[in-house]
């Protein structure tokens, strides 16, 4: 008799190869950066980084589409190399870091081409506003062993968002009709991971 229990066991056995090849990797904050740039006065770019980044990546070698990414970024760690500007960005007019100290990215889908990840679709949450974004994967390294015996991998990706979609609406209008701060934010991630 083909029981539900037998069906469950067969399903579990079919999943074992995928589970066995799924490894958890911890993001290394010391070698990971989240960089961004945004137009200033419509004539130049202001660049900055978030220096406190943590998270985990589960990589399924048998089926990369089953992999997933979770990233937490501490908003108070924003650094544009200008204290006055950084204080403004931490204020309620922008990130309001006292109320929203963390922003997150949680993947929902990994898209593969030529056996390599090319896009990671997920939810980006800033100031309790969640919207779907797509990370364009530009590089995904093979695993290497560092001199201390840790297994490491690296990945580079980028995306663009409209800051106003997340409630980051502050700006001022120029006499010429432009604005002090542009709407589009270009984000790039350099992630290094250590196998757990």
C-alpha atoms as a PDB file:
ATOM      1  CA  UNK A   1       0.000   0.000   0.000  1.00  0.00           C
ATOM      2  CA  UNK A   2       1.403   3.371  -1.049  1.00  0.00           C
ATOM      3  CA  UNK A   3       0.963   5.385   2.128  1.00  0.00           C
ATOM      4  CA  UNK A   4       1.580   9.039   2.843  1.00  0.00           C
ATOM      5  CA  UNK A   5       4.463   7.988   5.075  1.00  0.00           C
ATOM      6  CA  UNK A   6       6.124   6.162   2.198  1.00  0.00           C
ATOM      7  CA  UNK A   7       5.605   9.160  -0.077  1.00  0.00           C
ATOM      8  CA  UNK A   8       7.196  11.412   2.544  1.00  0.00           C
ATOM      9  CA  UNK A   9      10.229   9.108   2.815  1.00  0.00           C
ATOM     10  CA  UNK A  10      10.691   8.995  -0.966  1.00  0.00           C
ATOM     11  CA  UNK A  11      10.446  12.786  -1.172  1.00  0.00           C
ATOM     12  CA  UNK A  12      12.996  13.153   1.617  1.00  0.00           C
ATOM     13  CA  UNK A  13      15.400  10.758  -0.104  1.00  0.00           C
ATOM     14  CA  UNK A  14      15.130  12.727  -3.332  1.00  0.00           C
ATOM     15  CA  UNK A  15      15.990  15.905  -1.444  1.00  0.00           C
ATOM     16  CA  UNK A  16      19.075  14.491   0.285  1.00  0.00           C
ATOM     17  CA  UNK A  17      21.535  15.186  -2.589  1.00  0.00           C
ATOM     18  CA  UNK A  18      20.463  18.833  -2.630  1.00  0.00           C
ATOM     19  CA  UNK A  19      20.582  19.160   1.155  1.00  0.00           C
ATOM     20  CA  UNK A  20      24.004  17.537   1.336  1.00  0.00           C
ATOM     21  CA  UNK A  21      25.461  20.047  -1.104  1.00  0.00           C
ATOM     22  CA  UNK A  22      23.885  23.113   0.525  1.00  0.00           C
ATOM     23  CA  UNK A  23      26.491  24.885   2.649  1.00  0.00           C
ATOM     24  CA  UNK A  24      26.077  27.906   4.900  1.00  0.00           C
ATOM     25  CA  UNK A  25      28.508  30.802   4.537  1.00  0.00           C
ATOM     26  CA  UNK A  26      28.854  33.716   6.935  1.00  0.00           C
ATOM     27  CA  UNK A  27      29.481  37.167   5.487  1.00  0.00           C
ATOM     28  CA  UNK A  28      32.842  38.528   6.663  1.00  0.00           C
ATOM     29  CA  UNK A  29      32.228  42.156   7.755  1.00  0.00           C
ATOM     30  CA  UNK A  30      35.945  42.965   7.624  1.00  0.00           C
ATOM     31  CA  UNK A  31      36.059  42.250   3.889  1.00  0.00           C
ATOM     32  CA  UNK A  32      32.566  43.278   2.816  1.00  0.00           C
ATOM     33  CA  UNK A  33      31.369  46.705   1.711  1.00  0.00           C
ATOM     34  CA  UNK A  34      28.080  48.163   0.584  1.00  0.00           C
ATOM     35  CA  UNK A  35      28.839  51.239  -1.493  1.00  0.00           C
ATOM     36  CA  UNK A  36      26.419  53.774  -2.954  1.00  0.00           C
ATOM     37  CA  UNK A  37      26.456  56.935  -4.985  1.00  0.00           C
ATOM     38  CA  UNK A  38      23.861  59.582  -5.716  1.00  0.00           C
ATOM     39  CA  UNK A  39      23.752  62.780  -7.746  1.00  0.00           C
ATOM     40  CA  UNK A  40      24.463  66.069  -5.951  1.00  0.00           C
ATOM     41  CA  UNK A  41      23.159  69.339  -7.443  1.00  0.00           C
ATOM     42  CA  UNK A  42      22.730  67.390 -10.693  1.00  0.00           C
ATOM     43  CA  UNK A  43      26.402  68.002 -11.522  1.00  0.00           C
ATOM     44  CA  UNK A  44      28.421  65.437  -9.552  1.00  0.00           C
ATOM     45  CA  UNK A  45      28.221  62.249  -7.514  1.00  0.00           C
ATOM     46  CA  UNK A  46      28.435  61.823  -3.752  1.00  0.00           C
ATOM     47  CA  UNK A  47      29.740  58.414  -2.738  1.00  0.00           C
ATOM     48  CA  UNK A  48      29.477  56.586   0.549  1.00  0.00           C
ATOM     49  CA  UNK A  49      29.629  53.212   2.252  1.00  0.00           C
ATOM     50  CA  UNK A  50      27.957  51.277   5.019  1.00  0.00           C
ATOM     51  CA  UNK A  51      30.753  49.811   7.106  1.00  0.00           C
ATOM     52  CA  UNK A  52      28.750  47.410   9.295  1.00  0.00           C
ATOM     53  CA  UNK A  53      27.375  44.547   7.188  1.00  0.00           C
ATOM     54  CA  UNK A  54      26.457  41.045   8.357  1.00  0.00           C
ATOM     55  CA  UNK A  55      24.530  38.103   6.985  1.00  0.00           C
ATOM     56  CA  UNK A  56      24.491  34.554   5.713  1.00  0.00           C
ATOM     57  CA  UNK A  57      24.521  32.931   2.302  1.00  0.00           C
ATOM     58  CA  UNK A  58      23.385  29.364   1.689  1.00  0.00           C
ATOM     59  CA  UNK A  59      24.972  28.022  -1.499  1.00  0.00           C
ATOM     60  CA  UNK A  60      23.549  24.852  -3.006  1.00  0.00           C
ATOM     61  CA  UNK A  61      26.219  23.502  -5.329  1.00  0.00           C
ATOM     62  CA  UNK A  62      23.861  20.914  -6.858  1.00  0.00           C
ATOM     63  CA  UNK A  63      21.255  23.525  -7.750  1.00  0.00           C
ATOM     64  CA  UNK A  64      22.275  27.160  -7.384  1.00  0.00           C
ATOM     65  CA  UNK A  65      18.663  28.274  -7.816  1.00  0.00           C
ATOM     66  CA  UNK A  66      18.046  26.804  -4.346  1.00  0.00           C
ATOM     67  CA  UNK A  67      20.622  29.138  -2.799  1.00  0.00           C
ATOM     68  CA  UNK A  68      19.589  32.103  -0.661  1.00  0.00           C
ATOM     69  CA  UNK A  69      21.003  35.322   0.753  1.00  0.00           C
ATOM     70  CA  UNK A  70      20.208  37.301   3.905  1.00  0.00           C
ATOM     71  CA  UNK A  71      22.017  40.588   4.560  1.00  0.00           C
ATOM     72  CA  UNK A  72      21.687  43.030   7.475  1.00  0.00           C
ATOM     73  CA  UNK A  73      23.152  46.519   7.170  1.00  0.00           C
ATOM     74  CA  UNK A  74      23.501  48.820  10.184  1.00  0.00           C
ATOM     75  CA  UNK A  75      22.250  52.226   9.050  1.00  0.00           C
ATOM     76  CA  UNK A  76      24.283  54.167  11.680  1.00  0.00           C
ATOM     77  CA  UNK A  77      27.441  52.888   9.953  1.00  0.00           C
ATOM     78  CA  UNK A  78      26.874  55.157   6.941  1.00  0.00           C
ATOM     79  CA  UNK A  79      30.056  57.020   5.988  1.00  0.00           C
ATOM     80  CA  UNK A  80      30.396  59.612   3.216  1.00  0.00           C
ATOM     81  CA  UNK A  81      33.650  61.064   4.560  1.00  0.00           C
ATOM     82  CA  UNK A  82      31.847  64.159   5.858  1.00  0.00           C
ATOM     83  CA  UNK A  83      30.560  64.253   9.451  1.00  0.00           C
ATOM     84  CA  UNK A  84      27.950  66.978   8.900  1.00  0.00           C
ATOM     85  CA  UNK A  85      26.470  65.126   5.932  1.00  0.00           C
ATOM     86  CA  UNK A  86      26.605  61.778   7.743  1.00  0.00           C
ATOM     87  CA  UNK A  87      24.754  63.249  10.728  1.00  0.00           C
ATOM     88  CA  UNK A  88      22.092  64.570   8.365  1.00  0.00           C
ATOM     89  CA  UNK A  89      21.766  61.165   6.684  1.00  0.00           C
ATOM     90  CA  UNK A  90      21.311  59.537  10.103  1.00  0.00           C
ATOM     91  CA  UNK A  91      18.593  62.025  11.054  1.00  0.00           C
ATOM     92  CA  UNK A  92      14.803  61.525  10.683  1.00  0.00           C
ATOM     93  CA  UNK A  93      14.966  63.385   7.352  1.00  0.00           C
ATOM     94  CA  UNK A  94      16.788  60.407   5.866  1.00  0.00           C
ATOM     95  CA  UNK A  95      17.516  57.022   7.480  1.00  0.00           C
ATOM     96  CA  UNK A  96      16.260  57.912  10.985  1.00  0.00           C
ATOM     97  CA  UNK A  97      18.758  55.467  12.461  1.00  0.00           C
ATOM     98  CA  UNK A  98      17.390  55.795  16.005  1.00  0.00           C
ATOM     99  CA  UNK A  99      14.085  54.311  14.828  1.00  0.00           C
ATOM    100  CA  UNK A 100      15.320  52.117  11.967  1.00  0.00           C
ATOM    101  CA  UNK A 101      18.839  50.903  12.846  1.00  0.00           C
ATOM    102  CA  UNK A 102      18.846  48.012  10.369  1.00  0.00           C
ATOM    103  CA  UNK A 103      18.026  47.608   6.698  1.00  0.00           C
ATOM    104  CA  UNK A 104      17.828  44.154   5.170  1.00  0.00           C
ATOM    105  CA  UNK A 105      17.943  42.233   1.921  1.00  0.00           C
ATOM    106  CA  UNK A 106      16.352  38.774   1.773  1.00  0.00           C
ATOM    107  CA  UNK A 107      16.540  36.834  -1.480  1.00  0.00           C
ATOM    108  CA  UNK A 108      13.519  35.160  -3.077  1.00  0.00           C
ATOM    109  CA  UNK A 109      14.951  33.842  -6.343  1.00  0.00           C
ATOM    110  CA  UNK A 110      18.378  33.134  -7.819  1.00  0.00           C
ATOM    111  CA  UNK A 111      18.574  33.222 -11.614  1.00  0.00           C
ATOM    112  CA  UNK A 112      21.292  31.175 -13.306  1.00  0.00           C
ATOM    113  CA  UNK A 113      22.965  31.405 -16.720  1.00  0.00           C
ATOM    114  CA  UNK A 114      25.907  29.279 -17.869  1.00  0.00           C
ATOM    115  CA  UNK A 115      25.962  27.594 -14.453  1.00  0.00           C
ATOM    116  CA  UNK A 116      26.602  30.910 -12.702  1.00  0.00           C
ATOM    117  CA  UNK A 117      24.243  33.195 -10.757  1.00  0.00           C
ATOM    118  CA  UNK A 118      23.453  36.296 -12.816  1.00  0.00           C
ATOM    119  CA  UNK A 119      20.584  37.830 -10.837  1.00  0.00           C
ATOM    120  CA  UNK A 120      19.324  37.634  -7.271  1.00  0.00           C
ATOM    121  CA  UNK A 121      15.757  38.828  -6.770  1.00  0.00           C
ATOM    122  CA  UNK A 122      14.797  39.744  -3.231  1.00  0.00           C
ATOM    123  CA  UNK A 123      13.141  42.121  -0.804  1.00  0.00           C
ATOM    124  CA  UNK A 124      15.014  45.234   0.314  1.00  0.00           C
ATOM    125  CA  UNK A 125      13.649  46.802   3.499  1.00  0.00           C
ATOM    126  CA  UNK A 126      14.562  50.370   4.509  1.00  0.00           C
ATOM    127  CA  UNK A 127      12.654  52.318   7.187  1.00  0.00           C
ATOM    128  CA  UNK A 128      10.135  49.454   7.407  1.00  0.00           C
ATOM    129  CA  UNK A 129       9.320  49.818   3.697  1.00  0.00           C
ATOM    130  CA  UNK A 130       9.869  46.639   1.695  1.00  0.00           C
ATOM    131  CA  UNK A 131      10.213  46.569  -2.082  1.00  0.00           C
ATOM    132  CA  UNK A 132      11.500  43.984  -4.512  1.00  0.00           C
ATOM    133  CA  UNK A 133      14.869  44.659  -6.126  1.00  0.00           C
ATOM    134  CA  UNK A 134      17.152  42.687  -8.413  1.00  0.00           C
ATOM    135  CA  UNK A 135      20.872  42.397  -7.734  1.00  0.00           C
ATOM    136  CA  UNK A 136      22.906  42.025 -10.919  1.00  0.00           C
ATOM    137  CA  UNK A 137      25.683  39.549 -10.117  1.00  0.00           C
ATOM    138  CA  UNK A 138      28.896  40.632 -11.819  1.00  0.00           C
ATOM    139  CA  UNK A 139      31.289  38.140 -10.236  1.00  0.00           C
ATOM    140  CA  UNK A 140      30.933  34.938  -8.208  1.00  0.00           C
ATOM    141  CA  UNK A 141      34.270  33.385  -7.291  1.00  0.00           C
ATOM    142  CA  UNK A 142      35.318  29.816  -6.744  1.00  0.00           C
ATOM    143  CA  UNK A 143      36.112  28.775  -3.191  1.00  0.00           C
ATOM    144  CA  UNK A 144      39.661  29.291  -1.904  1.00  0.00           C
ATOM    145  CA  UNK A 145      41.401  28.433   1.357  1.00  0.00           C
ATOM    146  CA  UNK A 146      43.066  31.297   3.228  1.00  0.00           C
ATOM    147  CA  UNK A 147      46.348  30.874   5.188  1.00  0.00           C
ATOM    148  CA  UNK A 148      44.365  30.196   8.392  1.00  0.00           C
ATOM    149  CA  UNK A 149      42.399  27.309   6.935  1.00  0.00           C
ATOM    150  CA  UNK A 150      39.136  29.155   6.277  1.00  0.00           C
ATOM    151  CA  UNK A 151      37.245  28.446   3.066  1.00  0.00           C
ATOM    152  CA  UNK A 152      36.220  31.697   1.394  1.00  0.00           C
ATOM    153  CA  UNK A 153      34.255  32.923  -1.606  1.00  0.00           C
ATOM    154  CA  UNK A 154      33.583  36.369  -2.998  1.00  0.00           C
ATOM    155  CA  UNK A 155      30.758  37.975  -4.942  1.00  0.00           C
ATOM    156  CA  UNK A 156      30.164  41.344  -6.576  1.00  0.00           C
ATOM    157  CA  UNK A 157      26.715  42.673  -7.400  1.00  0.00           C
ATOM    158  CA  UNK A 158      24.897  45.930  -8.028  1.00  0.00           C
ATOM    159  CA  UNK A 159      21.435  47.444  -8.237  1.00  0.00           C
ATOM    160  CA  UNK A 160      19.607  50.758  -8.495  1.00  0.00           C
ATOM    161  CA  UNK A 161      16.758  52.065  -6.364  1.00  0.00           C
ATOM    162  CA  UNK A 162      14.661  55.203  -6.103  1.00  0.00           C
ATOM    163  CA  UNK A 163      15.256  56.546  -2.601  1.00  0.00           C
ATOM    164  CA  UNK A 164      11.765  58.059  -2.442  1.00  0.00           C
ATOM    165  CA  UNK A 165      10.275  54.556  -2.696  1.00  0.00           C
ATOM    166  CA  UNK A 166      11.630  54.009   0.825  1.00  0.00           C
ATOM    167  CA  UNK A 167      10.526  57.270   2.389  1.00  0.00           C
ATOM    168  CA  UNK A 168      13.880  59.016   1.875  1.00  0.00           C
ATOM    169  CA  UNK A 169      12.219  62.078   0.400  1.00  0.00           C
ATOM    170  CA  UNK A 170      14.257  65.047   1.637  1.00  0.00           C
ATOM    171  CA  UNK A 171      15.570  67.432  -1.012  1.00  0.00           C
ATOM    172  CA  UNK A 172      15.533  71.071  -2.034  1.00  0.00           C
ATOM    173  CA  UNK A 173      14.846  72.612  -5.418  1.00  0.00           C
ATOM    174  CA  UNK A 174      17.486  74.717  -7.140  1.00  0.00           C
ATOM    175  CA  UNK A 175      16.806  78.001  -8.905  1.00  0.00           C
ATOM    176  CA  UNK A 176      17.764  76.250 -12.127  1.00  0.00           C
ATOM    177  CA  UNK A 177      14.984  73.729 -11.607  1.00  0.00           C
ATOM    178  CA  UNK A 178      17.181  70.857 -10.496  1.00  0.00           C
ATOM    179  CA  UNK A 179      17.389  69.334  -7.033  1.00  0.00           C
ATOM    180  CA  UNK A 180      20.055  69.159  -4.345  1.00  0.00           C
ATOM    181  CA  UNK A 181      19.846  65.355  -4.080  1.00  0.00           C
ATOM    182  CA  UNK A 182      18.975  63.013  -6.942  1.00  0.00           C
ATOM    183  CA  UNK A 183      16.370  60.274  -6.645  1.00  0.00           C
ATOM    184  CA  UNK A 184      18.290  57.337  -8.110  1.00  0.00           C
ATOM    185  CA  UNK A 185      20.763  55.570  -5.845  1.00  0.00           C
ATOM    186  CA  UNK A 186      23.317  53.231  -7.384  1.00  0.00           C
ATOM    187  CA  UNK A 187      24.392  50.477  -5.001  1.00  0.00           C
ATOM    188  CA  UNK A 188      27.251  48.009  -5.281  1.00  0.00           C
ATOM    189  CA  UNK A 189      28.077  45.133  -2.953  1.00  0.00           C
ATOM    190  CA  UNK A 190      31.472  43.507  -2.497  1.00  0.00           C
ATOM    191  CA  UNK A 191      30.842  40.455  -0.352  1.00  0.00           C
ATOM    192  CA  UNK A 192      33.362  38.010   1.081  1.00  0.00           C
ATOM    193  CA  UNK A 193      32.060  34.906   2.850  1.00  0.00           C
ATOM    194  CA  UNK A 194      33.516  32.259   5.139  1.00  0.00           C
ATOM    195  CA  UNK A 195      32.179  28.720   5.055  1.00  0.00           C
ATOM    196  CA  UNK A 196      30.662  27.697   8.382  1.00  0.00           C
END
